[in-house]
PDB file of N, CA and C in Angstrom:
ATOM      1  N   MET A   1       0.508  -0.871   0.288  1.00  0.00           N
ATOM      2  CA  MET A   1       0.157  -0.040  -0.060  1.00  0.00           C
ATOM      3  C   MET A   1       1.020   1.258   0.258  1.00  0.00           C
ATOM      4  N   ASN A   2       0.765   1.854  -1.094  1.00  0.00           N
ATOM      5  CA  ASN A   2       0.978   3.296  -1.166  1.00  0.00           C
ATOM      6  C   ASN A   2       1.041   4.203  -0.810  1.00  0.00           C
ATOM      7  N   GLN A   3       1.906   5.335   0.178  1.00  0.00           N
ATOM      8  CA  GLN A   3       1.433   6.528   1.045  1.00  0.00           C
ATOM      9  C   GLN A   3       2.051   7.253   0.646  1.00  0.00           C
ATOM     10  N   PRO A   4       1.389   9.087   0.011  1.00  0.00           N
ATOM     11  CA  PRO A   4       2.246   9.757  -0.147  1.00  0.00           C
ATOM     12  C   PRO A   4       3.105   9.976   1.068  1.00  0.00           C
ATOM     13  N   ALA A   5       4.253  11.254   0.705  1.00  0.00           N
ATOM     14  CA  ALA A   5       5.542  11.291   1.300  1.00  0.00           C
ATOM     15  C   ALA A   5       5.049  11.939   2.120  1.00  0.00           C
ATOM     16  N   ASP A   6       3.602  12.668   2.285  1.00  0.00           N
ATOM     17  CA  ASP A   6       3.545  13.716   3.663  1.00  0.00           C
ATOM     18  C   ASP A   6       2.433  12.806   4.598  1.00  0.00           C
ATOM     19  N   ALA A   7       2.096  11.572   4.554  1.00  0.00           N
ATOM     20  CA  ALA A   7       1.313  10.781   5.432  1.00  0.00           C
ATOM     21  C   ALA A   7       2.231  10.391   6.409  1.00  0.00           C
ATOM     22  N   PRO A   8       3.281  10.574   6.922  1.00  0.00           N
ATOM     23  CA  PRO A   8       3.890  10.278   8.260  1.00  0.00           C
ATOM     24  C   PRO A   8       3.589  11.566   8.643  1.00  0.00           C
ATOM     25  N   ALA A   9       4.182  12.525   8.302  1.00  0.00           N
ATOM     26  CA  ALA A   9       3.575  13.838   8.772  1.00  0.00           C
ATOM     27  C   ALA A   9       2.277  14.131   9.142  1.00  0.00           C
ATOM     28  N   ALA A  10       1.425  13.764   8.486  1.00  0.00           N
ATOM     29  CA  ALA A  10      -0.322  14.089   8.205  1.00  0.00           C
ATOM     30  C   ALA A  10      -0.937  13.257   9.719  1.00  0.00           C
ATOM     31  N   ASP A  11      -0.089  12.132   9.671  1.00  0.00           N
ATOM     32  CA  ASP A  11      -0.681  10.529  10.865  1.00  0.00           C
ATOM     33  C   ASP A  11       0.186  11.781  11.866  1.00  0.00           C
ATOM     34  N   GLU A  12       1.091  11.944  12.321  1.00  0.00           N
ATOM     35  CA  GLU A  12       1.912  12.774  13.840  1.00  0.00           C
ATOM     36  C   GLU A  12       1.013  13.667  13.829  1.00  0.00           C
ATOM     37  N   ALA A  13       0.435  14.480  12.697  1.00  0.00           N
ATOM     38  CA  ALA A  13      -0.185  15.404  13.449  1.00  0.00           C
ATOM     39  C   ALA A  13      -1.664  15.181  13.724  1.00  0.00           C
ATOM     40  N   ALA A  14      -2.259  14.155  13.389  1.00  0.00           N
ATOM     41  CA  ALA A  14      -3.222  13.243  13.844  1.00  0.00           C
ATOM     42  C   ALA A  14      -3.638  13.077  15.122  1.00  0.00           C
ATOM     43  N   VAL A  15      -2.350  12.286  15.409  1.00  0.00           N
ATOM     44  CA  VAL A  15      -1.929  11.554  16.947  1.00  0.00           C
ATOM     45  C   VAL A  15      -2.112  12.531  17.626  1.00  0.00           C
ATOM     46  N   GLU A  16      -1.748  14.176  17.607  1.00  0.00           N
ATOM     47  CA  GLU A  16      -0.753  14.673  18.642  1.00  0.00           C
ATOM     48  C   GLU A  16      -2.330  15.761  18.825  1.00  0.00           C
ATOM     49  N   GLU A  17      -3.255  15.954  17.651  1.00  0.00           N
ATOM     50  CA  GLU A  17      -4.425  15.973  17.533  1.00  0.00           C
ATOM     51  C   GLU A  17      -5.397  15.826  18.753  1.00  0.00           C
ATOM     52  N   ALA A  18      -5.534  14.461  18.598  1.00  0.00           N
ATOM     53  CA  ALA A  18      -6.010  13.350  19.664  1.00  0.00           C
ATOM     54  C   ALA A  18      -5.846  13.374  20.883  1.00  0.00           C
ATOM     55  N   ILE A  19      -4.318  13.515  21.107  1.00  0.00           N
ATOM     56  CA  ILE A  19      -3.729  13.530  22.357  1.00  0.00           C
ATOM     57  C   ILE A  19      -3.979  14.597  23.028  1.00  0.00           C
ATOM     58  N   ALA A  20      -4.158  15.844  22.406  1.00  0.00           N
ATOM     59  CA  ALA A  20      -4.292  17.158  23.067  1.00  0.00           C
ATOM     60  C   ALA A  20      -4.889  17.706  23.940  1.00  0.00           C
ATOM     61  N   PRO A  21      -6.110  16.884  22.892  1.00  0.00           N
ATOM     62  CA  PRO A  21      -7.660  17.308  24.451  1.00  0.00           C
ATOM     63  C   PRO A  21      -7.432  16.361  25.888  1.00  0.00           C
ATOM     64  N   CYS A  22      -6.691  15.314  25.515  1.00  0.00           N
ATOM     65  CA  CYS A  22      -6.900  14.663  27.270  1.00  0.00           C
ATOM     66  C   CYS A  22      -5.166  15.475  27.964  1.00  0.00           C
ATOM     67  N   GLY A  23      -5.212  16.954  27.568  1.00  0.00           N
ATOM     68  CA  GLY A  23      -3.854  17.032  28.671  1.00  0.00           C
ATOM     69  C   GLY A  23      -2.669  16.610  28.235  1.00  0.00           C
ATOM     70  N   GLY A  24      -2.351  15.905  27.001  1.00  0.00           N
ATOM     71  CA  GLY A  24      -0.978  14.973  27.231  1.00  0.00           C
ATOM     72  C   GLY A  24      -0.639  13.694  27.420  1.00  0.00           C
ATOM     73  N   ASP A  25      -1.577  13.195  28.390  1.00  0.00           N
ATOM     74  CA  ASP A  25      -2.699  11.799  28.216  1.00  0.00           C
ATOM     75  C   ASP A  25      -2.630  11.000  27.927  1.00  0.00           C
ATOM     76  N   ALA A  26      -1.616   9.965  27.122  1.00  0.00           N
ATOM     77  CA  ALA A  26      -1.712   9.177  26.053  1.00  0.00           C
ATOM     78  C   ALA A  26      -2.917   7.583  26.535  1.00  0.00           C
ATOM     79  N   ARG A  27      -2.644   7.655  27.150  1.00  0.00           N
ATOM     80  CA  ARG A  27      -3.471   6.599  27.778  1.00  0.00           C
ATOM     81  C   ARG A  27      -5.051   6.911  27.880  1.00  0.00           C
ATOM     82  N   ALA A  28      -5.565   7.819  28.189  1.00  0.00           N
ATOM     83  CA  ALA A  28      -6.500   8.812  28.873  1.00  0.00           C
ATOM     84  C   ALA A  28      -6.796   9.102  26.695  1.00  0.00           C
ATOM     85  N   ALA A  29      -5.815  10.028  25.952  1.00  0.00           N
ATOM     86  CA  ALA A  29      -6.541   9.831  24.167  1.00  0.00           C
ATOM     87  C   ALA A  29      -6.765   8.019  23.891  1.00  0.00           C
ATOM     88  N   VAL A  30      -6.127   7.489  24.493  1.00  0.00           N
ATOM     89  CA  VAL A  30      -6.759   6.113  23.946  1.00  0.00           C
ATOM     90  C   VAL A  30      -8.244   5.432  24.226  1.00  0.00           C
ATOM     91  N   ARG A  31      -8.488   5.684  25.600  1.00  0.00           N
ATOM     92  CA  ARG A  31      -9.942   5.453  27.165  1.00  0.00           C
ATOM     93  C   ARG A  31     -10.639   6.140  25.942  1.00  0.00           C
ATOM     94  N   ALA A  32      -9.965   7.534  25.339  1.00  0.00           N
ATOM     95  CA  ALA A  32     -11.303   8.436  24.600  1.00  0.00           C
ATOM     96  C   ALA A  32     -11.663   7.720  23.323  1.00  0.00           C
ATOM     97  N   LEU A  33     -10.581   7.408  22.616  1.00  0.00           N
ATOM     98  CA  LEU A  33     -10.713   6.551  21.634  1.00  0.00           C
ATOM     99  C   LEU A  33     -11.836   5.484  21.431  1.00  0.00           C
ATOM    100  N   LEU A  34     -11.290   4.881  22.173  1.00  0.00           N
ATOM    101  CA  LEU A  34     -12.025   3.271  22.552  1.00  0.00           C
ATOM    102  C   LEU A  34     -13.678   3.486  22.946  1.00  0.00           C
ATOM    103  N   GLU A  35     -13.800   4.926  23.809  1.00  0.00           N
ATOM    104  CA  GLU A  35     -15.053   4.993  23.619  1.00  0.00           C
ATOM    105  C   GLU A  35     -15.770   5.589  22.488  1.00  0.00           C
ATOM    106  N   ASP A  36     -14.977   6.208  21.953  1.00  0.00           N
ATOM    107  CA  ASP A  36     -15.455   6.545  20.306  1.00  0.00           C
ATOM    108  C   ASP A  36     -15.672   5.546  19.638  1.00  0.00           C
ATOM    109  N   VAL A  37     -15.150   4.158  19.761  1.00  0.00           N
ATOM    110  CA  VAL A  37     -15.792   3.551  18.909  1.00  0.00           C
ATOM    111  C   VAL A  37     -17.035   2.411  18.682  1.00  0.00           C
ATOM    112  N   ARG A  38     -16.607   2.341  20.822  1.00  0.00           N
ATOM    113  CA  ARG A  38     -18.078   1.947  20.845  1.00  0.00           C
ATOM    114  C   ARG A  38     -18.732   2.129  20.733  1.00  0.00           C
ATOM    115  N   LEU A  39     -18.682   3.476  20.946  1.00  0.00           N
ATOM    116  CA  LEU A  39     -20.491   5.040  20.642  1.00  0.00           C
ATOM    117  C   LEU A  39     -20.809   4.064  18.653  1.00  0.00           C
ATOM    118  N   TYR A  40     -19.636   4.558  17.912  1.00  0.00           N
ATOM    119  CA  TYR A  40     -20.072   4.897  16.179  1.00  0.00           C
ATOM    120  C   TYR A  40     -20.469   2.832  16.294  1.00  0.00           C
ATOM    121  N   GLU A  41     -19.608   1.843  17.266  1.00  0.00           N
ATOM    122  CA  GLU A  41     -20.392   0.648  16.677  1.00  0.00           C
ATOM    123  C   GLU A  41     -21.803   0.217  17.238  1.00  0.00           C
ATOM    124  N   ARG A  42     -22.118   0.798  18.132  1.00  0.00           N
ATOM    125  CA  ARG A  42     -23.562   1.252  18.584  1.00  0.00           C
ATOM    126  C   ARG A  42     -24.301   1.506  17.839  1.00  0.00           C
ATOM    127  N   GLU A  43     -24.050   3.270  16.806  1.00  0.00           N
ATOM    128  CA  GLU A  43     -24.581   3.592  15.658  1.00  0.00           C
ATOM    129  C   GLU A  43     -24.538   2.569  14.722  1.00  0.00           C
ATOM    130  N   LEU A  44     -23.660   1.660  14.131  1.00  0.00           N
ATOM    131  CA  LEU A  44     -23.710   1.280  12.626  1.00  0.00           C
ATOM    132  C   LEU A  44     -24.413   0.274  13.605  1.00  0.00           C
ATOM    133  N   ALA A  45     -24.813  -0.752  14.563  1.00  0.00           N
ATOM    134  CA  ALA A  45     -25.381  -1.639  15.020  1.00  0.00           C
ATOM    135  C   ALA A  45     -27.199  -1.086  14.392  1.00  0.00           C
ATOM    136  N   VAL A  46     -27.521   0.020  14.996  1.00  0.00           N
ATOM    137  CA  VAL A  46     -28.456   0.511  14.851  1.00  0.00           C
ATOM    138  C   VAL A  46     -28.973   0.631  12.867  1.00  0.00           C
ATOM    139  N   CYS A  47     -28.519   1.174  12.688  1.00  0.00           N
ATOM    140  CA  CYS A  47     -28.708   1.636  10.996  1.00  0.00           C
ATOM    141  C   CYS A  47     -28.742   0.097  10.793  1.00  0.00           C
ATOM    142  N   ARG A  48     -27.787  -0.863  10.733  1.00  0.00           N
ATOM    143  CA  ARG A  48     -27.931  -2.155  10.256  1.00  0.00           C
ATOM    144  C   ARG A  48     -29.384  -2.460  10.576  1.00  0.00           C
ATOM    145  N   LEU A  49     -29.830  -2.396  11.350  1.00  0.00           N
ATOM    146  CA  LEU A  49     -31.589  -3.085  11.301  1.00  0.00           C
ATOM    147  C   LEU A  49     -32.227  -1.740  10.582  1.00  0.00           C
ATOM    148  N   ALA A  50     -31.816  -0.665  10.956  1.00  0.00           N
ATOM    149  CA  ALA A  50     -32.862   0.088   9.936  1.00  0.00           C
ATOM    150  C   ALA A  50     -33.105  -0.237   8.621  1.00  0.00           C
ATOM    151  N   VAL A  51     -31.785  -0.861   7.735  1.00  0.00           N
ATOM    152  CA  VAL A  51     -31.685  -0.575   6.527  1.00  0.00           C
ATOM    153  C   VAL A  51     -32.240  -2.142   6.326  1.00  0.00           C
ATOM    154  N   SER A  52     -32.436  -2.279   5.111  1.00  0.00           N
ATOM    155  CA  SER A  52     -33.570  -3.686   5.047  1.00  0.00           C
ATOM    156  C   SER A  52     -32.660  -4.632   3.988  1.00  0.00           C
ATOM    157  N   SER A  53     -32.749  -5.705   4.452  1.00  0.00           N
ATOM    158  CA  SER A  53     -31.785  -7.005   3.883  1.00  0.00           C
ATOM    159  C   SER A  53     -32.170  -7.055   2.272  1.00  0.00           C
ATOM    160  N   GLY A  54     -33.468  -6.071   1.868  1.00  0.00           N
ATOM    161  CA  GLY A  54     -33.650  -6.516   0.660  1.00  0.00           C
ATOM    162  C   GLY A  54     -32.516  -4.790   0.004  1.00  0.00           C
ATOM    163  N   TYR A  55     -32.383  -4.290   0.194  1.00  0.00           N
ATOM    164  CA  TYR A  55     -31.483  -2.860  -0.280  1.00  0.00           C
ATOM    165  C   TYR A  55     -30.716  -3.876  -0.072  1.00  0.00           C
ATOM    166  N   SER A  56     -29.870  -3.535   0.946  1.00  0.00           N
ATOM    167  CA  SER A  56     -28.345  -4.462   1.252  1.00  0.00           C
ATOM    168  C   SER A  56     -28.163  -5.945   0.158  1.00  0.00           C
ATOM    169  N   ARG A  57     -28.996  -6.265   0.355  1.00  0.00           N
ATOM    170  CA  ARG A  57     -28.553  -7.562  -0.887  1.00  0.00           C
ATOM    171  C   ARG A  57     -28.394  -9.065   0.349  1.00  0.00           C
ATOM    172  N   GLN A  58     -28.624  -8.466   1.355  1.00  0.00           N
ATOM    173  CA  GLN A  58     -27.943  -9.266   2.518  1.00  0.00           C
ATOM    174  C   GLN A  58     -26.832  -9.076   2.956  1.00  0.00           C
ATOM    175  N   TRP A  59     -25.446  -8.264   2.281  1.00  0.00           N
ATOM    176  CA  TRP A  59     -24.242  -7.784   2.516  1.00  0.00           C
ATOM    177  C   TRP A  59     -24.379  -7.643   4.455  1.00  0.00           C
ATOM    178  N   HIS A  60     -24.852  -6.508   4.736  1.00  0.00           N
ATOM    179  CA  HIS A  60     -24.171  -6.213   6.359  1.00  0.00           C
ATOM    180  C   HIS A  60     -24.973  -6.748   7.336  1.00  0.00           C
ATOM    181  N   HIS A  61     -26.015  -7.911   6.973  1.00  0.00           N
ATOM    182  CA  HIS A  61     -26.017  -9.282   7.877  1.00  0.00           C
ATOM    183  C   HIS A  61     -25.693 -10.169   7.362  1.00  0.00           C
ATOM    184  N   ASN A  62     -24.665 -10.942   6.864  1.00  0.00           N
ATOM    185  CA  ASN A  62     -23.953 -11.693   5.948  1.00  0.00           C
ATOM    186  C   ASN A  62     -22.898 -10.998   7.536  1.00  0.00           C
ATOM    187  N   ARG A  63     -22.296 -10.111   7.294  1.00  0.00           N
ATOM    188  CA  ARG A  63     -21.134  -9.464   7.433  1.00  0.00           C
ATOM    189  C   ARG A  63     -20.811  -9.715   9.038  1.00  0.00           C
ATOM    190  N   TRP A  64     -22.693  -9.056   9.960  1.00  0.00           N
ATOM    191  CA  TRP A  64     -22.551  -9.107  11.199  1.00  0.00           C
ATOM    192  C   TRP A  64     -22.430 -10.521  11.461  1.00  0.00           C
ATOM    193  N   ARG A  65     -23.237 -11.625  10.787  1.00  0.00           N
ATOM    194  CA  ARG A  65     -22.938 -12.698  10.843  1.00  0.00           C
ATOM    195  C   ARG A  65     -21.593 -13.392  11.488  1.00  0.00           C
ATOM    196  N   GLU A  66     -21.133 -13.082  10.764  1.00  0.00           N
ATOM    197  CA  GLU A  66     -19.458 -13.604  10.421  1.00  0.00           C
ATOM    198  C   GLU A  66     -18.456 -13.080  11.495  1.00  0.00           C
ATOM    199  N   ALA A  67     -18.929 -11.467  11.950  1.00  0.00           N
ATOM    200  CA  ALA A  67     -18.273 -11.017  13.065  1.00  0.00           C
ATOM    201  C   ALA A  67     -18.778 -12.182  14.733  1.00  0.00           C
ATOM    202  N   ASP A  68     -19.937 -12.026  13.831  1.00  0.00           N
ATOM    203  CA  ASP A  68     -20.113 -12.866  15.647  1.00  0.00           C
ATOM    204  C   ASP A  68     -19.241 -14.210  15.713  1.00  0.00           C
ATOM    205  N   ALA A  69     -19.430 -14.864  14.276  1.00  0.00           N
ATOM    206  CA  ALA A  69     -19.381 -16.000  14.657  1.00  0.00           C
ATOM    207  C   ALA A  69     -17.703 -16.541  15.126  1.00  0.00           C
ATOM    208  N   GLN A  70     -17.392 -14.645  15.271  1.00  0.00           N
ATOM    209  CA  GLN A  70     -15.501 -15.149  15.235  1.00  0.00           C
ATOM    210  C   GLN A  70     -15.228 -14.994  17.044  1.00  0.00           C
TER     211      GLN A  70
END
């Protein structure tokens, strides 16, 4: 996977941006990011229920079952 030459600098800037609101505490930043991931997973689960099987051609329902099996 090829990344643009400025990707590492952009990644570092994103890391600093994520840590800054937590007063420089990296553990607190990770904790906050994990909370965000859980929130987005719950929102995604609600969206999956709202989208009909016919519309998605069972794609998201099958992926959900695969994830539960792991």
